Amino acid sequence: MPRGKPSDNEASENNAPRGPRPVGPRDRPGPGAGGRGGRGGEKPLPEATAKRASHFRCAAPEGRSGSVNPQPRGQLKSAEGLQRITRMKHINLSFAGCGFLGIYHLGAASALYRHGGKFLKEVKAFAGASAGSLVATVLLTAPERIEDCNDFTYKFAEEIRRQPLGALTPGYNFMARLRSGIDWILPPNAHELAHKRLYISITNAKTRGNCLASAFSSREDLIKKWVDGGLTDSLPIPPVGRTVTVSPFSGRMDISPQDGGHLGLYIDITKQDIMLSVANLVRLNQALFPPRRRKMESLHRQGFEDAVKFLHKENWFEENA
């Protein structure tokens, strides 16, 4: 029967206030919604993908499609960040490549070890490039040796300052000296402790491509993986979860210095968003040429204080962890 003008009852039904529309599959947030790592955690990776990711993951050239980080790396609002991080099932910790500014990382690692015990227990994966990978490895496999790392770093930097051309002085074997310190600090089973929990940014010498190594067949294999990956990716992000980032350069990182009087401009240096500031230009020089002992001690204190600020902001701080 053809429909004509709606009846009074039908008209009243059509004009009645409508209730909320039922939520369908398209309305539900995906794994990347709600900030880093998604709202309520991530969907499990397919088995084949998980197996590949557990060994090597080639870094995405643009936009880091392999990581769940839709917003720039860096500071979450305090309340918002607390809600997200407490919901997160998978938290990572990544230390940026920074050359001789690694002493800042050691200061941050000391603070996390002393006052962030609960936070470190929640960290599923550690990552790093260059000096950052060394600190990440020590914090994961031998956190009680952080103070020994401080002593070695100060002595190593002083030794390099005495060389006519620094680390590039002919006849001075920089890598051999560094390896001796690493070998002294790491425990015998470091490769077992790091297996599938540590992501090291490595660069293929032939293709200049970048990958994250997370599987280590031996202690020696772990040490060999520390061929500098900071040339292509100085702030590696593991493939799953929210990653807390640490850098001695002021920029869009969770733990980093906060320079004042800047123009709000950022530059991308090997996947690291760094603020364009005079202070950062000075830090870039210090990353290549180690500053004097007093300045290095100041950098260590700043790393410690910046990490403590992060723990307070995210409500992870413990007086005696």
C-alpha atoms as a PDB file:
ATOM      1  CA  MET A   1       0.000   0.000   0.000  1.00  0.00           C
ATOM      2  CA  PRO A   2       1.630   3.344  -1.010  1.00  0.00           C
ATOM      3  CA  ARG A   3       2.707   5.563   1.806  1.00  0.00           C
ATOM      4  CA  GLY A   4       1.318   9.055   1.865  1.00  0.00           C
ATOM      5  CA  LYS A   5       1.679  11.730   4.472  1.00  0.00           C
ATOM      6  CA  PRO A   6       2.842  10.195   7.768  1.00  0.00           C
ATOM      7  CA  SER A   7       0.256   9.838  10.465  1.00  0.00           C
ATOM      8  CA  ASP A   8       0.410  11.872  13.651  1.00  0.00           C
ATOM      9  CA  ASN A   9       1.814   8.876  15.547  1.00  0.00           C
ATOM     10  CA  GLU A  10       4.516   8.306  12.961  1.00  0.00           C
ATOM     11  CA  ALA A  11       5.446  11.990  12.913  1.00  0.00           C
ATOM     12  CA  SER A  12       5.773  12.095  16.683  1.00  0.00           C
ATOM     13  CA  GLU A  13       8.004   9.027  16.583  1.00  0.00           C
ATOM     14  CA  ASN A  14      10.226  10.581  13.902  1.00  0.00           C
ATOM     15  CA  ASN A  15      10.587  13.813  15.859  1.00  0.00           C
ATOM     16  CA  ALA A  16      11.241  12.128  19.213  1.00  0.00           C
ATOM     17  CA  PRO A  17      14.743  12.534  20.680  1.00  0.00           C
ATOM     18  CA  ARG A  18      16.960   9.760  19.507  1.00  0.00           C
ATOM     19  CA  GLY A  19      19.128   7.797  21.969  1.00  0.00           C
ATOM     20  CA  PRO A  20      22.787   7.110  21.422  1.00  0.00           C
ATOM     21  CA  ARG A  21      23.591   5.113  18.295  1.00  0.00           C
ATOM     22  CA  PRO A  22      24.803   1.587  19.105  1.00  0.00           C
ATOM     23  CA  VAL A  23      28.555   1.327  18.867  1.00  0.00           C
ATOM     24  CA  GLY A  24      29.652  -0.813  15.949  1.00  0.00           C
ATOM     25  CA  PRO A  25      33.012  -2.287  15.006  1.00  0.00           C
ATOM     26  CA  ARG A  26      33.954   0.818  13.003  1.00  0.00           C
ATOM     27  CA  ASP A  27      33.432   3.032  16.027  1.00  0.00           C
ATOM     28  CA  ARG A  28      35.779   1.188  18.306  1.00  0.00           C
ATOM     29  CA  PRO A  29      39.298   2.642  18.529  1.00  0.00           C
ATOM     30  CA  GLY A  30      41.983   0.620  16.832  1.00  0.00           C
ATOM     31  CA  PRO A  31      45.297  -0.396  18.305  1.00  0.00           C
ATOM     32  CA  GLY A  32      46.825   3.012  17.622  1.00  0.00           C
ATOM     33  CA  ALA A  33      44.056   5.111  19.152  1.00  0.00           C
ATOM     34  CA  GLY A  34      44.485   7.137  22.291  1.00  0.00           C
ATOM     35  CA  GLY A  35      48.163   7.983  21.918  1.00  0.00           C
ATOM     36  CA  ARG A  36      51.197   5.783  21.966  1.00  0.00           C
ATOM     37  CA  GLY A  37      50.519   2.128  22.209  1.00  0.00           C
ATOM     38  CA  GLY A  38      46.773   2.491  21.760  1.00  0.00           C
ATOM     39  CA  ARG A  39      43.874   2.566  24.124  1.00  0.00           C
ATOM     40  CA  GLY A  40      43.884  -0.474  26.321  1.00  0.00           C
ATOM     41  CA  GLY A  41      46.995  -2.071  24.761  1.00  0.00           C
ATOM     42  CA  GLU A  42      47.775  -3.590  21.372  1.00  0.00           C
ATOM     43  CA  LYS A  43      46.399  -6.423  19.335  1.00  0.00           C
ATOM     44  CA  PRO A  44      48.794  -9.360  19.328  1.00  0.00           C
ATOM     45  CA  LEU A  45      51.021  -9.584  16.271  1.00  0.00           C
ATOM     46  CA  PRO A  46      50.408 -12.460  13.836  1.00  0.00           C
ATOM     47  CA  GLU A  47      52.683 -15.394  14.600  1.00  0.00           C
ATOM     48  CA  ALA A  48      54.839 -14.990  11.489  1.00  0.00           C
ATOM     49  CA  THR A  49      55.214 -11.255  12.041  1.00  0.00           C
ATOM     50  CA  ALA A  50      56.053 -11.746  15.714  1.00  0.00           C
ATOM     51  CA  LYS A  51      58.818 -14.191  14.843  1.00  0.00           C
ATOM     52  CA  ARG A  52      60.384 -11.762  12.393  1.00  0.00           C
ATOM     53  CA  ALA A  53      60.076  -8.817  14.773  1.00  0.00           C
ATOM     54  CA  SER A  54      61.696 -10.746  17.606  1.00  0.00           C
ATOM     55  CA  HIS A  55      64.951 -11.003  15.644  1.00  0.00           C
ATOM     56  CA  PHE A  56      65.351  -8.009  13.326  1.00  0.00           C
ATOM     57  CA  ARG A  57      63.050  -5.163  12.390  1.00  0.00           C
ATOM     58  CA  CYS A  58      64.139  -2.873   9.604  1.00  0.00           C
ATOM     59  CA  ALA A  59      63.245   0.677  10.516  1.00  0.00           C
ATOM     60  CA  ALA A  60      60.529   2.316   8.437  1.00  0.00           C
ATOM     61  CA  PRO A  61      62.031   5.117   6.338  1.00  0.00           C
ATOM     62  CA  GLU A  62      59.205   7.566   6.905  1.00  0.00           C
ATOM     63  CA  GLY A  63      56.793   8.098   9.789  1.00  0.00           C
ATOM     64  CA  ARG A  64      57.954   5.010  11.706  1.00  0.00           C
ATOM     65  CA  SER A  65      55.065   2.866  10.587  1.00  0.00           C
ATOM     66  CA  GLY A  66      56.503   0.044  12.647  1.00  0.00           C
ATOM     67  CA  SER A  67      55.862   1.838  15.923  1.00  0.00           C
ATOM     68  CA  VAL A  68      52.601   2.754  17.602  1.00  0.00           C
ATOM     69  CA  ASN A  69      53.411   6.433  18.070  1.00  0.00           C
ATOM     70  CA  PRO A  70      50.942   8.659  16.197  1.00  0.00           C
ATOM     71  CA  GLN A  71      52.063  11.787  18.032  1.00  0.00           C
ATOM     72  CA  PRO A  72      55.630  13.148  18.156  1.00  0.00           C
ATOM     73  CA  ARG A  73      57.924  11.399  20.606  1.00  0.00           C
ATOM     74  CA  GLY A  74      57.770  13.280  23.823  1.00  0.00           C
ATOM     75  CA  GLN A  75      56.087  14.653  26.780  1.00  0.00           C
ATOM     76  CA  LEU A  76      52.587  13.484  27.619  1.00  0.00           C
ATOM     77  CA  LYS A  77      50.455  15.784  29.704  1.00  0.00           C
ATOM     78  CA  SER A  78      50.782  14.756  33.329  1.00  0.00           C
ATOM     79  CA  ALA A  79      47.235  13.519  34.043  1.00  0.00           C
ATOM     80  CA  GLU A  80      46.723  12.218  30.530  1.00  0.00           C
ATOM     81  CA  GLY A  81      50.111  10.535  30.561  1.00  0.00           C
ATOM     82  CA  LEU A  82      49.430   8.856  33.894  1.00  0.00           C
ATOM     83  CA  GLN A  83      46.129   7.440  32.644  1.00  0.00           C
ATOM     84  CA  ARG A  84      47.717   6.102  29.488  1.00  0.00           C
ATOM     85  CA  ILE A  85      50.854   4.675  31.034  1.00  0.00           C
ATOM     86  CA  THR A  86      48.927   2.898  33.793  1.00  0.00           C
ATOM     87  CA  ARG A  87      46.639   1.319  31.172  1.00  0.00           C
ATOM     88  CA  MET A  88      49.554   0.312  28.995  1.00  0.00           C
ATOM     89  CA  LYS A  89      50.493  -3.356  29.006  1.00  0.00           C
ATOM     90  CA  HIS A  90      53.709  -2.833  27.085  1.00  0.00           C
ATOM     91  CA  ILE A  91      56.132  -0.039  28.015  1.00  0.00           C
ATOM     92  CA  ASN A  92      59.547   0.419  26.408  1.00  0.00           C
ATOM     93  CA  LEU A  93      62.541   2.584  27.307  1.00  0.00           C
ATOM     94  CA  SER A  94      64.829   3.984  24.599  1.00  0.00           C
ATOM     95  CA  PHE A  95      68.110   5.910  24.961  1.00  0.00           C
ATOM     96  CA  ALA A  96      69.159   8.133  22.057  1.00  0.00           C
ATOM     97  CA  GLY A  97      72.523   8.004  20.346  1.00  0.00           C
ATOM     98  CA  CYS A  98      74.619  10.903  21.616  1.00  0.00           C
ATOM     99  CA  GLY A  99      78.340  10.106  21.507  1.00  0.00           C
ATOM    100  CA  PHE A 100      80.200  11.454  24.521  1.00  0.00           C
ATOM    101  CA  LEU A 101      77.003  12.873  25.998  1.00  0.00           C
ATOM    102  CA  GLY A 102      76.230   9.341  27.162  1.00  0.00           C
ATOM    103  CA  ILE A 103      77.075  10.539  30.667  1.00  0.00           C
ATOM    104  CA  TYR A 104      73.623  12.229  30.631  1.00  0.00           C
ATOM    105  CA  HIS A 105      72.082   8.806  30.017  1.00  0.00           C
ATOM    106  CA  LEU A 106      74.014   7.355  32.941  1.00  0.00           C
ATOM    107  CA  GLY A 107      72.599  10.082  35.186  1.00  0.00           C
ATOM    108  CA  ALA A 108      69.074   9.283  33.993  1.00  0.00           C
ATOM    109  CA  ALA A 109      69.678   5.547  34.411  1.00  0.00           C
ATOM    110  CA  SER A 110      70.920   6.122  37.967  1.00  0.00           C
ATOM    111  CA  ALA A 111      67.711   7.983  38.827  1.00  0.00           C
ATOM    112  CA  LEU A 112      65.511   5.299  37.279  1.00  0.00           C
ATOM    113  CA  TYR A 113      67.400   2.589  39.160  1.00  0.00           C
ATOM    114  CA  ARG A 114      67.242   4.418  42.508  1.00  0.00           C
ATOM    115  CA  HIS A 115      63.765   5.929  42.324  1.00  0.00           C
ATOM    116  CA  GLY A 116      61.918   4.119  39.542  1.00  0.00           C
ATOM    117  CA  GLY A 117      61.895   0.475  40.552  1.00  0.00           C
ATOM    118  CA  LYS A 118      58.188   0.016  39.821  1.00  0.00           C
ATOM    119  CA  PHE A 119      58.571   1.744  36.471  1.00  0.00           C
ATOM    120  CA  LEU A 120      61.505  -0.470  35.435  1.00  0.00           C
ATOM    121  CA  LYS A 121      59.518  -3.572  36.371  1.00  0.00           C
ATOM    122  CA  GLU A 122      56.885  -2.483  33.844  1.00  0.00           C
ATOM    123  CA  VAL A 123      59.424  -1.956  31.049  1.00  0.00           C
ATOM    124  CA  LYS A 124      59.204  -4.866  28.610  1.00  0.00           C
ATOM    125  CA  ALA A 125      61.861  -3.753  26.113  1.00  0.00           C
ATOM    126  CA  PHE A 126      64.976  -1.576  26.278  1.00  0.00           C
ATOM    127  CA  ALA A 127      66.412   0.125  23.208  1.00  0.00           C
ATOM    128  CA  GLY A 128      69.279   2.373  22.248  1.00  0.00           C
ATOM    129  CA  ALA A 129      71.700   3.600  19.619  1.00  0.00           C
ATOM    130  CA  SER A 130      75.410   4.239  19.976  1.00  0.00           C
ATOM    131  CA  ALA A 131      76.129   5.322  23.570  1.00  0.00           C
ATOM    132  CA  GLY A 132      72.431   4.918  24.307  1.00  0.00           C
ATOM    133  CA  SER A 133      72.583   1.208  23.498  1.00  0.00           C
ATOM    134  CA  LEU A 134      75.398   0.743  26.006  1.00  0.00           C
ATOM    135  CA  VAL A 135      73.401   2.390  28.787  1.00  0.00           C
ATOM    136  CA  ALA A 136      70.258   0.450  27.848  1.00  0.00           C
ATOM    137  CA  THR A 137      72.205  -2.805  28.016  1.00  0.00           C
ATOM    138  CA  VAL A 138      73.729  -2.038  31.407  1.00  0.00           C
ATOM    139  CA  LEU A 139      70.393  -0.923  32.876  1.00  0.00           C
ATOM    140  CA  LEU A 140      68.809  -4.173  31.677  1.00  0.00           C
ATOM    141  CA  THR A 141      71.578  -6.678  32.443  1.00  0.00           C
ATOM    142  CA  ALA A 142      73.672  -5.132  35.242  1.00  0.00           C
ATOM    143  CA  PRO A 143      72.022  -2.051  36.808  1.00  0.00           C
ATOM    144  CA  GLU A 144      74.181  -2.405  39.911  1.00  0.00           C
ATOM    145  CA  ARG A 145      77.206  -1.568  37.712  1.00  0.00           C
ATOM    146  CA  ILE A 146      75.979   1.895  36.688  1.00  0.00           C
ATOM    147  CA  GLU A 147      78.405   3.602  39.072  1.00  0.00           C
ATOM    148  CA  ASP A 148      81.252   1.598  37.544  1.00  0.00           C
ATOM    149  CA  CYS A 149      80.091   2.865  34.146  1.00  0.00           C
ATOM    150  CA  ASN A 150      80.326   6.426  35.443  1.00  0.00           C
ATOM    151  CA  ASP A 151      83.939   5.911  36.546  1.00  0.00           C
ATOM    152  CA  PHE A 152      84.887   4.275  33.253  1.00  0.00           C
ATOM    153  CA  THR A 153      83.240   7.068  31.237  1.00  0.00           C
ATOM    154  CA  TYR A 154      85.086   9.836  33.098  1.00  0.00           C
ATOM    155  CA  LYS A 155      88.439   8.072  32.686  1.00  0.00           C
ATOM    156  CA  PHE A 156      87.758   7.210  29.047  1.00  0.00           C
ATOM    157  CA  ALA A 157      86.837  10.823  28.237  1.00  0.00           C
ATOM    158  CA  GLU A 158      89.967  12.125  29.979  1.00  0.00           C
ATOM    159  CA  GLU A 159      92.091   9.676  28.005  1.00  0.00           C
ATOM    160  CA  ILE A 160      90.576  10.912  24.738  1.00  0.00           C
ATOM    161  CA  ARG A 161      91.041  14.571  25.681  1.00  0.00           C
ATOM    162  CA  ARG A 162      94.766  13.889  26.074  1.00  0.00           C
ATOM    163  CA  GLN A 163      95.019  12.655  22.479  1.00  0.00           C
ATOM    164  CA  PRO A 164      96.137  15.318  19.934  1.00  0.00           C
ATOM    165  CA  LEU A 165      93.143  14.642  17.652  1.00  0.00           C
ATOM    166  CA  GLY A 166      90.840  13.084  20.193  1.00  0.00           C
ATOM    167  CA  ALA A 167      89.281   9.760  19.218  1.00  0.00           C
ATOM    168  CA  LEU A 168      90.574  10.227  15.638  1.00  0.00           C
ATOM    169  CA  THR A 169      94.238  10.347  16.647  1.00  0.00           C
ATOM    170  CA  PRO A 170      96.264   7.948  14.435  1.00  0.00           C
ATOM    171  CA  GLY A 171      97.373   4.910  16.414  1.00  0.00           C
ATOM    172  CA  TYR A 172      94.706   5.333  19.100  1.00  0.00           C
ATOM    173  CA  ASN A 173      92.302   2.398  18.999  1.00  0.00           C
ATOM    174  CA  PHE A 174      89.068   3.931  20.202  1.00  0.00           C
ATOM    175  CA  MET A 175      86.919   0.830  19.661  1.00  0.00           C
ATOM    176  CA  ALA A 176      89.361  -1.514  21.404  1.00  0.00           C
ATOM    177  CA  ARG A 177      89.419   0.732  24.471  1.00  0.00           C
ATOM    178  CA  LEU A 178      85.633   0.952  24.502  1.00  0.00           C
ATOM    179  CA  ARG A 179      85.247  -2.807  24.123  1.00  0.00           C
ATOM    180  CA  SER A 180      87.563  -3.392  27.069  1.00  0.00           C
ATOM    181  CA  GLY A 181      85.307  -1.289  29.280  1.00  0.00           C
ATOM    182  CA  ILE A 182      82.176  -3.035  28.024  1.00  0.00           C
ATOM    183  CA  ASP A 183      83.737  -6.436  28.589  1.00  0.00           C
ATOM    184  CA  TRP A 184      84.649  -5.461  32.154  1.00  0.00           C
ATOM    185  CA  ILE A 185      81.125  -4.293  33.017  1.00  0.00           C
ATOM    186  CA  LEU A 186      78.810  -6.842  31.397  1.00  0.00           C
ATOM    187  CA  PRO A 187      77.934 -10.085  33.223  1.00  0.00           C
ATOM    188  CA  PRO A 188      78.811 -13.427  31.566  1.00  0.00           C
ATOM    189  CA  ASN A 189      75.153 -14.113  30.684  1.00  0.00           C
ATOM    190  CA  ALA A 190      74.408 -10.621  29.349  1.00  0.00           C
ATOM    191  CA  HIS A 191      73.293 -11.984  25.969  1.00  0.00           C
ATOM    192  CA  GLU A 192      70.740 -14.253  27.661  1.00  0.00           C
ATOM    193  CA  LEU A 193      69.337 -11.427  29.777  1.00  0.00           C
ATOM    194  CA  ALA A 194      69.153  -9.156  26.723  1.00  0.00           C
ATOM    195  CA  HIS A 195      67.658 -11.709  24.320  1.00  0.00           C
ATOM    196  CA  LYS A 196      64.392 -10.349  22.857  1.00  0.00           C
ATOM    197  CA  ARG A 197      64.265  -7.580  25.476  1.00  0.00           C
ATOM    198  CA  LEU A 198      67.017  -5.345  24.106  1.00  0.00           C
ATOM    199  CA  TYR A 199      66.751  -3.582  20.740  1.00  0.00           C
ATOM    200  CA  ILE A 200      70.012  -2.183  19.383  1.00  0.00           C
ATOM    201  CA  SER A 201      69.983   0.152  16.399  1.00  0.00           C
ATOM    202  CA  ILE A 202      72.488  -1.172  13.868  1.00  0.00           C
ATOM    203  CA  THR A 203      73.556   0.068  10.447  1.00  0.00           C
ATOM    204  CA  ASN A 204      74.420  -2.189   7.526  1.00  0.00           C
ATOM    205  CA  ALA A 205      77.862  -1.054   6.384  1.00  0.00           C
ATOM    206  CA  LYS A 206      77.100  -1.885   2.732  1.00  0.00           C
ATOM    207  CA  THR A 207      73.515  -0.714   2.254  1.00  0.00           C
ATOM    208  CA  ARG A 208      73.459   1.942   5.016  1.00  0.00           C
ATOM    209  CA  GLY A 209      70.078   0.510   5.963  1.00  0.00           C
ATOM    210  CA  ASN A 210      68.976   0.409   9.586  1.00  0.00           C
ATOM    211  CA  CYS A 211      67.596  -2.507  11.591  1.00  0.00           C
ATOM    212  CA  LEU A 212      66.910  -3.268  15.221  1.00  0.00           C
ATOM    213  CA  ALA A 213      68.714  -6.316  16.556  1.00  0.00           C
ATOM    214  CA  SER A 214      67.042  -8.117  19.447  1.00  0.00           C
ATOM    215  CA  ALA A 215      68.439 -11.657  19.247  1.00  0.00           C
ATOM    216  CA  PHE A 216      71.973 -12.413  20.443  1.00  0.00           C
ATOM    217  CA  SER A 217      73.575 -15.833  20.097  1.00  0.00           C
ATOM    218  CA  SER A 218      76.441 -15.116  22.492  1.00  0.00           C
ATOM    219  CA  ARG A 219      77.972 -12.439  24.672  1.00  0.00           C
ATOM    220  CA  GLU A 220      80.449 -11.656  21.900  1.00  0.00           C
ATOM    221  CA  ASP A 221      77.590 -11.336  19.416  1.00  0.00           C
ATOM    222  CA  LEU A 222      75.914  -8.815  21.716  1.00  0.00           C
ATOM    223  CA  ILE A 223      79.087  -6.715  21.860  1.00  0.00           C
ATOM    224  CA  LYS A 224      79.560  -6.869  18.074  1.00  0.00           C
ATOM    225  CA  LYS A 225      76.045  -5.531  17.550  1.00  0.00           C
ATOM    226  CA  TRP A 226      77.204  -2.248  19.018  1.00  0.00           C
ATOM    227  CA  VAL A 227      78.570  -1.116  15.669  1.00  0.00           C
ATOM    228  CA  ASP A 228      77.235   2.416  15.576  1.00  0.00           C
ATOM    229  CA  GLY A 229      73.630   2.554  14.403  1.00  0.00           C
ATOM    230  CA  GLY A 230      73.195   6.200  15.382  1.00  0.00           C
ATOM    231  CA  LEU A 231      74.139   7.278  11.860  1.00  0.00           C
ATOM    232  CA  THR A 232      70.751   6.146  10.530  1.00  0.00           C
ATOM    233  CA  ASP A 233      68.440   5.945  13.568  1.00  0.00           C
ATOM    234  CA  SER A 234      69.583   7.609  16.767  1.00  0.00           C
ATOM    235  CA  LEU A 235      66.361   6.993  18.714  1.00  0.00           C
ATOM    236  CA  PRO A 236      65.088   3.454  18.037  1.00  0.00           C
ATOM    237  CA  ILE A 237      61.485   2.558  18.853  1.00  0.00           C
ATOM    238  CA  PRO A 238      60.547  -1.108  19.478  1.00  0.00           C
ATOM    239  CA  PRO A 239      57.675  -2.332  17.279  1.00  0.00           C
ATOM    240  CA  VAL A 240      55.038  -2.689  20.020  1.00  0.00           C
ATOM    241  CA  GLY A 241      53.939  -0.479  22.909  1.00  0.00           C
ATOM    242  CA  ARG A 242      54.512   3.019  24.231  1.00  0.00           C
ATOM    243  CA  THR A 243      58.182   4.025  24.283  1.00  0.00           C
ATOM    244  CA  VAL A 244      59.601   6.385  26.908  1.00  0.00           C
ATOM    245  CA  THR A 245      62.445   8.264  25.203  1.00  0.00           C
ATOM    246  CA  VAL A 246      65.625   9.678  26.759  1.00  0.00           C
ATOM    247  CA  SER A 247      67.971  12.174  25.096  1.00  0.00           C
ATOM    248  CA  PRO A 248      70.576  14.735  26.223  1.00  0.00           C
ATOM    249  CA  PHE A 249      69.301  17.043  23.463  1.00  0.00           C
ATOM    250  CA  SER A 250      66.363  19.327  24.153  1.00  0.00           C
ATOM    251  CA  GLY A 251      63.429  18.234  22.020  1.00  0.00           C
ATOM    252  CA  ARG A 252      60.294  16.109  21.836  1.00  0.00           C
ATOM    253  CA  MET A 253      61.452  13.425  24.253  1.00  0.00           C
ATOM    254  CA  ASP A 254      60.065  12.252  27.597  1.00  0.00           C
ATOM    255  CA  ILE A 255      63.337  12.719  29.478  1.00  0.00           C
ATOM    256  CA  SER A 256      65.500  15.530  28.112  1.00  0.00           C
ATOM    257  CA  PRO A 257      66.700  19.051  28.957  1.00  0.00           C
ATOM    258  CA  GLN A 258      64.175  21.837  28.437  1.00  0.00           C
ATOM    259  CA  ASP A 259      65.823  24.856  26.827  1.00  0.00           C
ATOM    260  CA  GLY A 260      64.181  28.242  27.288  1.00  0.00           C
ATOM    261  CA  GLY A 261      63.951  31.099  24.811  1.00  0.00           C
ATOM    262  CA  HIS A 262      63.559  28.882  21.760  1.00  0.00           C
ATOM    263  CA  LEU A 263      61.622  29.598  18.566  1.00  0.00           C
ATOM    264  CA  GLY A 264      59.609  26.386  18.622  1.00  0.00           C
ATOM    265  CA  LEU A 265      61.529  25.022  15.639  1.00  0.00           C
ATOM    266  CA  TYR A 266      62.684  21.407  15.481  1.00  0.00           C
ATOM    267  CA  ILE A 267      65.037  19.549  13.193  1.00  0.00           C
ATOM    268  CA  ASP A 268      65.145  15.827  12.518  1.00  0.00           C
ATOM    269  CA  ILE A 269      68.626  14.411  13.088  1.00  0.00           C
ATOM    270  CA  THR A 270      68.643  10.683  12.316  1.00  0.00           C
ATOM    271  CA  LYS A 271      65.048  10.187  13.512  1.00  0.00           C
ATOM    272  CA  GLN A 272      65.480  12.371  16.607  1.00  0.00           C
ATOM    273  CA  ASP A 273      63.362  15.557  16.867  1.00  0.00           C
ATOM    274  CA  ILE A 274      65.777  18.122  18.284  1.00  0.00           C
ATOM    275  CA  MET A 275      64.930  21.701  19.162  1.00  0.00           C
ATOM    276  CA  LEU A 276      66.761  24.349  17.169  1.00  0.00           C
ATOM    277  CA  SER A 277      68.630  26.181  19.926  1.00  0.00           C
ATOM    278  CA  VAL A 278      72.098  27.466  20.719  1.00  0.00           C
ATOM    279  CA  ALA A 279      72.361  25.061  23.651  1.00  0.00           C
ATOM    280  CA  ASN A 280      71.716  22.085  21.364  1.00  0.00           C
ATOM    281  CA  LEU A 281      74.412  23.265  18.954  1.00  0.00           C
ATOM    282  CA  VAL A 282      76.840  23.246  21.879  1.00  0.00           C
ATOM    283  CA  ARG A 283      75.670  19.749  22.831  1.00  0.00           C
ATOM    284  CA  LEU A 284      76.254  18.493  19.280  1.00  0.00           C
ATOM    285  CA  ASN A 285      79.862  19.615  19.556  1.00  0.00           C
ATOM    286  CA  GLN A 286      80.212  17.954  22.963  1.00  0.00           C
ATOM    287  CA  ALA A 287      78.827  14.712  21.541  1.00  0.00           C
ATOM    288  CA  LEU A 288      81.830  14.567  19.193  1.00  0.00           C
ATOM    289  CA  PHE A 289      84.474  15.958  21.544  1.00  0.00           C
ATOM    290  CA  PRO A 290      84.170  15.084  25.252  1.00  0.00           C
ATOM    291  CA  PRO A 291      83.906  18.146  27.520  1.00  0.00           C
ATOM    292  CA  ARG A 292      85.945  18.554  30.682  1.00  0.00           C
ATOM    293  CA  ARG A 293      85.231  16.543  33.826  1.00  0.00           C
ATOM    294  CA  ARG A 294      83.289  19.317  35.569  1.00  0.00           C
ATOM    295  CA  LYS A 295      80.944  19.710  32.600  1.00  0.00           C
ATOM    296  CA  MET A 296      80.444  15.956  32.341  1.00  0.00           C
ATOM    297  CA  GLU A 297      79.504  15.811  36.016  1.00  0.00           C
ATOM    298  CA  SER A 298      76.991  18.609  35.365  1.00  0.00           C
ATOM    299  CA  LEU A 299      75.496  16.612  32.475  1.00  0.00           C
ATOM    300  CA  HIS A 300      75.212  13.573  34.749  1.00  0.00           C
ATOM    301  CA  ARG A 301      73.329  15.612  37.368  1.00  0.00           C
ATOM    302  CA  GLN A 302      71.016  17.034  34.729  1.00  0.00           C
ATOM    303  CA  GLY A 303      70.191  13.566  33.427  1.00  0.00           C
ATOM    304  CA  PHE A 304      69.448  12.439  36.979  1.00  0.00           C
ATOM    305  CA  GLU A 305      67.209  15.451  37.682  1.00  0.00           C
ATOM    306  CA  ASP A 306      65.335  15.198  34.373  1.00  0.00           C
ATOM    307  CA  ALA A 307      64.593  11.515  35.011  1.00  0.00           C
ATOM    308  CA  VAL A 308      63.336  12.322  38.521  1.00  0.00           C
ATOM    309  CA  LYS A 309      61.011  14.963  37.029  1.00  0.00           C
ATOM    310  CA  PHE A 310      59.635  12.364  34.650  1.00  0.00           C
ATOM    311  CA  LEU A 311      59.015   9.881  37.471  1.00  0.00           C
ATOM    312  CA  HIS A 312      57.186  12.530  39.497  1.00  0.00           C
ATOM    313  CA  LYS A 313      55.111  13.629  36.498  1.00  0.00           C
ATOM    314  CA  GLU A 314      54.046  10.071  35.681  1.00  0.00           C
ATOM    315  CA  ASN A 315      53.524   9.208  39.377  1.00  0.00           C
ATOM    316  CA  TRP A 316      56.236   6.520  39.368  1.00  0.00           C
ATOM    317  CA  PHE A 317      58.650   8.143  41.835  1.00  0.00           C
ATOM    318  CA  GLU A 318      59.787   6.092  44.850  1.00  0.00           C
ATOM    319  CA  GLU A 319      61.956   7.569  47.576  1.00  0.00           C
ATOM    320  CA  ASN A 320      63.958   4.370  47.952  1.00  0.00           C
ATOM    321  CA  ALA A 321      63.358   1.970  45.094  1.00  0.00           C
END
